[in-house]
Amino acid sequence: MELKSTTYQLDGDYYRVAYWQSGSIFADKVLFCVHGLLGRSRDFDELIAALEDDFLCIAIDLPGRGQSDWLKNAEQYGPENYLPAIKAVLDSFNNRPVHWIGTSLGGILAMAAASLKLVTIEKLVLNDVGSFIPKSSLQRIAAYVSDPVFNDQQALIDHLKCTYPSFRHLTQTQWQRVAKYGSRQAEDGLHLHYDPAIAINVGLASSEDIDLTSLWQALDCPQMLIHGTASDLLTQEVVDSMRDLNPDLELLQLEGLGHAPPLMTPDELQAITAFLKRSDA
């Protein structure tokens, strides 16, 4: 994979947005990968490895995460302000139609980008996010957005294992990669690789439920919904409601996993690649 970047404008300032690219630029299909709240582009390495022979694969670092610039003001960290960065990356590829896979926040951004006609989505994989988000799950997430400092990589891995129990089936090699790309070195030690100011808006946005039904119903493309059955963000009630409204929705349920499945294990990869490669004509 190759690390690339482009620039976008927000509130009169220019910022750099980074993304990883793999596969042929001449591929017929484009895969666009968007991570969750505190994730990063390299969360999709296994999926890209499985698809790069058939797709041009693009995985973005959202503003304030990974290799992308931090925003100047904490209040700018909101979904509406991530869309200009996404548009800048998509414009780098002539805004070609995409197969979009979005984890949590990345799925919300898919719905928003499609509703604003910033992108044409040919297929969509929603990873543990749906048409309705209960405030209780947002409050839980807000509680762990912090800026801990670690003496070494193993201490950071131990922290991540506690924070993301849904990642429990990862190999040691995968954990080492998550830690490598999920950390940044500072004078006082290792920090997680995101702007701590993200926590401010997360807390402010956790006081009420989020109903995305109208955005989700406006999507007109084949969809796969990945559901960790122990998830508090995508509940079984929401899954059932979405399937009632869209009987063609393809569902992958992962028993016992909470929010959000890592998309790095063989069963997950097999189901997702089969859905994305399948012709629905």
Protein backbone atom coordinates (compact mmCIF):
# COMPACT_ATOMS: atom_id res chain seq x y z
CA MET A 1 0.00 0.00 0.00
CA GLU A 2 1.07 3.56 -0.69
CA LEU A 3 0.48 6.51 1.64
CA LYS A 4 -0.92 9.53 -0.19
CA SER A 5 -2.58 12.80 0.75
CA THR A 6 -4.52 15.74 -0.59
CA THR A 7 -5.81 19.00 0.86
CA TYR A 8 -9.23 20.39 1.68
CA GLN A 9 -10.59 23.65 3.03
CA LEU A 10 -12.58 24.04 6.24
CA ASP A 11 -13.64 27.37 7.75
CA GLY A 12 -11.07 29.21 5.66
CA ASP A 13 -8.13 26.99 6.61
CA TYR A 14 -6.41 24.30 4.54
CA TYR A 15 -5.72 20.87 5.98
CA ARG A 16 -4.00 17.72 4.79
CA VAL A 17 -6.01 14.49 4.65
CA ALA A 18 -4.08 11.23 4.34
CA TYR A 19 -5.16 7.95 2.76
CA TRP A 20 -3.64 4.63 1.79
CA GLN A 21 -4.05 3.36 -1.75
CA SER A 22 -3.63 -0.14 -3.13
CA GLY A 23 -4.59 -1.94 -6.33
CA SER A 24 -4.65 -0.76 -9.91
CA ILE A 25 -5.76 2.78 -10.68
CA PHE A 26 -7.39 1.26 -13.77
CA ALA A 27 -9.54 -1.21 -11.81
CA ASP A 28 -13.21 -1.24 -12.75
CA LYS A 29 -14.33 -0.92 -9.14
CA VAL A 30 -13.28 1.33 -6.26
CA LEU A 31 -13.37 0.29 -2.61
CA PHE A 32 -13.59 3.19 -0.15
CA CYS A 33 -12.93 2.31 3.50
CA VAL A 34 -13.89 4.66 6.34
CA HIS A 35 -13.04 3.80 9.93
CA GLY A 36 -14.85 4.41 13.20
CA LEU A 37 -14.60 7.22 15.73
CA LEU A 38 -11.09 6.44 17.02
CA GLY A 39 -10.01 4.13 14.22
CA ARG A 40 -7.63 4.62 11.35
CA SER A 41 -7.08 3.70 7.72
CA ARG A 42 -4.91 0.68 8.48
CA ASP A 43 -7.82 -1.07 10.22
CA PHE A 44 -8.72 -2.37 6.75
CA ASP A 45 -5.42 -4.04 5.82
CA GLU A 46 -6.83 -7.59 5.69
CA LEU A 47 -9.86 -6.55 3.69
CA ILE A 48 -7.72 -4.62 1.21
CA ALA A 49 -5.34 -7.55 0.81
CA ALA A 50 -8.32 -9.73 -0.08
CA LEU A 51 -9.70 -7.27 -2.65
CA GLU A 52 -6.78 -5.35 -4.16
CA ASP A 53 -6.58 -7.64 -7.20
CA ASP A 54 -10.12 -6.64 -8.20
CA PHE A 55 -10.53 -3.15 -6.73
CA LEU A 56 -8.72 0.13 -6.46
CA CYS A 57 -8.69 0.30 -2.67
CA ILE A 58 -8.67 3.58 -0.72
CA ALA A 59 -8.64 3.84 3.08
CA ILE A 60 -8.86 7.30 4.61
CA ASP A 61 -7.61 8.74 7.90
CA LEU A 62 -10.42 11.05 8.98
CA PRO A 63 -9.41 14.53 10.23
CA GLY A 64 -7.64 14.38 13.57
CA ARG A 65 -6.75 10.70 13.19
CA GLY A 66 -3.70 8.82 11.95
CA GLN A 67 -1.64 10.75 9.42
CA SER A 68 -4.27 13.43 8.73
CA ASP A 69 -3.96 16.95 10.17
CA TRP A 70 -5.61 17.85 13.45
CA LEU A 71 -8.28 20.54 13.21
CA LYS A 72 -7.67 23.91 14.83
CA ASN A 73 -10.74 23.96 17.05
CA ALA A 74 -12.29 21.15 19.08
CA GLU A 75 -15.81 22.14 18.05
CA GLN A 76 -14.94 21.36 14.42
CA TYR A 77 -14.82 17.63 15.13
CA GLY A 78 -18.22 16.61 13.83
CA PRO A 79 -19.45 14.48 10.91
CA GLU A 80 -20.39 17.49 8.79
CA ASN A 81 -16.77 18.68 8.91
CA TYR A 82 -15.36 15.31 7.86
CA LEU A 83 -17.26 15.41 4.58
CA PRO A 84 -14.99 18.02 2.90
CA ALA A 85 -12.00 15.75 3.57
CA ILE A 86 -13.85 12.76 2.14
CA LYS A 87 -14.90 14.76 -0.91
CA ALA A 88 -11.30 15.87 -1.50
CA VAL A 89 -10.09 12.27 -1.53
CA LEU A 90 -12.92 11.10 -3.79
CA ASP A 91 -12.29 14.03 -6.13
CA SER A 92 -8.69 12.79 -6.47
CA PHE A 93 -10.20 9.78 -8.24
CA ASN A 94 -12.60 11.83 -10.37
CA ASN A 95 -15.41 11.06 -7.93
CA ARG A 96 -15.85 7.57 -9.32
CA PRO A 97 -18.69 5.44 -7.92
CA VAL A 98 -17.51 3.43 -4.93
CA HIS A 99 -18.13 0.30 -2.94
CA TRP A 100 -18.13 1.85 0.56
CA ILE A 101 -17.38 0.03 3.78
CA GLY A 102 -17.93 2.06 6.91
CA THR A 103 -17.37 1.11 10.52
CA SER A 104 -19.66 2.95 12.94
CA LEU A 105 -18.91 6.64 12.19
CA GLY A 106 -17.72 5.55 8.74
CA GLY A 107 -21.19 4.17 8.03
CA ILE A 108 -22.90 7.33 9.23
CA LEU A 109 -20.68 9.32 6.88
CA ALA A 110 -21.69 7.05 4.00
CA MET A 111 -25.34 7.89 4.57
CA ALA A 112 -24.58 11.60 4.86
CA ALA A 113 -22.33 11.72 1.78
CA ALA A 114 -24.91 9.87 -0.31
CA SER A 115 -27.75 12.13 0.85
CA LEU A 116 -25.74 15.21 -0.15
CA LYS A 117 -24.86 13.57 -3.48
CA LEU A 118 -21.14 13.84 -2.76
CA VAL A 119 -20.68 10.27 -3.95
CA THR A 120 -22.43 7.48 -5.81
CA ILE A 121 -22.38 4.32 -3.69
CA GLU A 122 -22.72 1.12 -5.71
CA LYS A 123 -22.59 -1.19 -2.69
CA LEU A 124 -22.48 -0.43 1.02
CA VAL A 125 -21.22 -2.42 3.98
CA LEU A 126 -22.35 -0.98 7.31
CA ASN A 127 -20.23 -2.32 10.15
CA ASP A 128 -22.24 -2.30 13.38
CA VAL A 129 -24.14 0.89 12.69
CA GLY A 130 -27.66 1.33 11.45
CA SER A 131 -30.68 3.57 11.17
CA PHE A 132 -30.93 4.43 14.86
CA ILE A 133 -28.27 4.99 17.54
CA PRO A 134 -29.26 4.99 21.23
CA LYS A 135 -27.79 7.69 23.41
CA SER A 136 -26.68 5.10 25.98
CA SER A 137 -24.14 3.71 23.50
CA LEU A 138 -22.89 7.22 22.71
CA GLN A 139 -22.42 7.92 26.40
CA ARG A 140 -20.40 4.73 26.82
CA ILE A 141 -18.17 5.67 23.89
CA ALA A 142 -17.72 9.22 25.21
CA ALA A 143 -16.51 7.78 28.52
CA TYR A 144 -13.47 6.08 26.95
CA VAL A 145 -12.33 8.89 24.64
CA SER A 146 -9.29 10.08 26.55
CA ASP A 147 -5.57 10.68 26.13
CA PRO A 148 -3.71 7.99 28.08
CA VAL A 149 0.09 7.77 27.96
CA PHE A 150 1.99 4.48 27.71
CA ASN A 151 5.58 3.54 28.43
CA ASP A 152 5.78 0.98 25.65
CA GLN A 153 3.80 -0.68 22.87
CA GLN A 154 2.75 -3.68 24.97
CA ALA A 155 1.13 -1.41 27.54
CA LEU A 156 -0.76 0.28 24.72
CA ILE A 157 -1.87 -3.11 23.35
CA ASP A 158 -3.10 -4.15 26.80
CA HIS A 159 -5.17 -0.95 26.97
CA LEU A 160 -6.66 -1.57 23.52
CA LYS A 161 -7.56 -5.14 24.42
CA CYS A 162 -9.56 -3.87 27.40
CA THR A 163 -11.17 -1.06 25.41
CA TYR A 164 -12.10 -3.19 22.36
CA PRO A 165 -13.16 -6.65 23.58
CA SER A 166 -14.69 -7.31 20.13
CA PHE A 167 -11.09 -7.54 18.84
CA ARG A 168 -10.38 -10.56 21.04
CA HIS A 169 -9.76 -12.96 18.14
CA LEU A 170 -6.92 -10.91 16.63
CA THR A 171 -3.50 -12.47 16.33
CA GLN A 172 -0.44 -11.00 18.03
CA THR A 173 0.79 -9.80 14.64
CA GLN A 174 -2.50 -7.98 14.08
CA TRP A 175 -2.35 -6.40 17.54
CA GLN A 176 1.16 -5.18 16.83
CA ARG A 177 -0.03 -3.53 13.61
CA VAL A 178 -3.02 -1.95 15.36
CA ALA A 179 -0.65 -0.57 17.97
CA LYS A 180 1.90 0.63 15.41
CA TYR A 181 -0.56 2.64 13.36
CA GLY A 182 -2.74 3.50 16.34
CA SER A 183 -0.04 5.27 18.34
CA ARG A 184 2.14 8.35 18.13
CA GLN A 185 5.37 9.03 19.97
CA ALA A 186 5.60 12.16 22.12
CA GLU A 187 8.15 13.36 24.64
CA ASP A 188 6.23 11.86 27.57
CA GLY A 189 5.57 8.48 25.91
CA LEU A 190 3.19 6.76 23.50
CA HIS A 191 -0.22 8.30 22.88
CA LEU A 192 -3.15 6.98 20.88
CA HIS A 193 -3.03 8.34 17.33
CA TYR A 194 -5.85 10.89 17.44
CA ASP A 195 -6.43 14.45 18.60
CA PRO A 196 -7.64 14.34 22.22
CA ALA A 197 -9.89 17.31 21.44
CA ILE A 198 -12.22 14.85 19.65
CA ALA A 199 -13.52 13.93 23.11
CA ILE A 200 -15.20 17.32 23.63
CA ASN A 201 -17.73 17.04 20.82
CA VAL A 202 -18.29 13.34 21.47
CA GLY A 203 -19.45 14.20 24.95
CA LEU A 204 -21.72 16.99 23.73
CA ALA A 205 -23.31 14.73 21.11
CA SER A 206 -24.16 11.92 23.54
CA SER A 207 -27.17 13.49 25.23
CA GLU A 208 -29.84 12.21 22.84
CA ASP A 209 -30.64 9.37 20.45
CA ILE A 210 -29.73 9.75 16.79
CA ASP A 211 -32.39 8.76 14.25
CA LEU A 212 -30.87 8.19 10.81
CA THR A 213 -33.85 6.36 9.32
CA SER A 214 -34.56 8.96 6.62
CA LEU A 215 -30.92 9.03 5.49
CA TRP A 216 -30.65 5.27 5.47
CA GLN A 217 -33.92 4.73 3.59
CA ALA A 218 -32.79 7.16 0.89
CA LEU A 219 -29.91 4.83 -0.04
CA ASP A 220 -30.52 2.98 -3.28
CA CYS A 221 -27.86 0.29 -3.47
CA PRO A 222 -27.26 -3.28 -2.30
CA GLN A 223 -26.27 -3.31 1.37
CA MET A 224 -24.69 -5.63 3.89
CA LEU A 225 -25.22 -5.02 7.61
CA ILE A 226 -22.65 -6.46 10.01
CA HIS A 227 -24.00 -6.89 13.51
CA GLY A 228 -22.11 -7.87 16.62
CA THR A 229 -24.90 -9.50 18.60
CA ALA A 230 -23.62 -8.00 21.87
CA SER A 231 -23.44 -4.48 20.42
CA ASP A 232 -25.12 -1.67 22.31
CA LEU A 233 -24.90 0.71 19.34
CA LEU A 234 -26.63 -1.57 16.81
CA THR A 235 -29.29 -3.41 18.78
CA GLN A 236 -31.31 -6.40 17.61
CA GLU A 237 -34.41 -4.19 17.61
CA VAL A 238 -32.78 -1.82 15.12
CA VAL A 239 -31.59 -4.74 12.99
CA ASP A 240 -35.11 -6.16 12.85
CA SER A 241 -36.55 -2.78 11.94
CA MET A 242 -34.03 -2.31 9.13
CA ARG A 243 -34.79 -5.76 7.69
CA ASP A 244 -38.53 -5.05 7.84
CA LEU A 245 -37.98 -1.87 5.84
CA ASN A 246 -35.45 -3.47 3.47
CA PRO A 247 -35.99 -7.24 3.08
CA ASP A 248 -33.04 -7.39 0.64
CA LEU A 249 -30.61 -6.23 3.31
CA GLU A 250 -27.87 -8.83 3.65
CA LEU A 251 -27.08 -9.57 7.29
CA LEU A 252 -23.91 -10.94 8.85
CA GLN A 253 -24.37 -11.57 12.57
CA LEU A 254 -21.31 -12.26 14.71
CA GLU A 255 -22.25 -14.01 17.91
CA GLY A 256 -21.04 -12.46 21.13
CA LEU A 257 -19.15 -9.56 19.58
CA GLY A 258 -19.81 -6.04 20.83
CA HIS A 259 -19.24 -2.74 19.08
CA ALA A 260 -17.59 -2.91 16.62
CA PRO A 261 -16.37 -6.08 14.87
CA PRO A 262 -12.77 -5.62 13.65
CA LEU A 263 -13.25 -6.93 10.08
CA MET A 264 -9.92 -8.72 10.35
CA THR A 265 -10.91 -12.35 10.97
CA PRO A 266 -11.39 -15.05 8.28
CA ASP A 267 -15.16 -15.41 8.70
CA GLU A 268 -15.71 -11.67 8.44
CA LEU A 269 -13.42 -11.32 5.42
CA GLN A 270 -14.99 -14.22 3.55
CA ALA A 271 -18.52 -12.87 3.90
CA ILE A 272 -17.61 -9.28 3.03
CA THR A 273 -15.48 -10.12 -0.01
CA ALA A 274 -18.17 -12.46 -1.34
CA PHE A 275 -20.77 -9.67 -1.06
CA LEU A 276 -18.54 -7.02 -2.66
CA LYS A 277 -17.36 -9.22 -5.52
CA ARG A 278 -20.79 -10.64 -6.33
CA SER A 279 -22.57 -9.34 -9.37
CA ASP A 280 -26.09 -8.21 -8.51
CA ALA A 281 -27.10 -7.65 -12.11
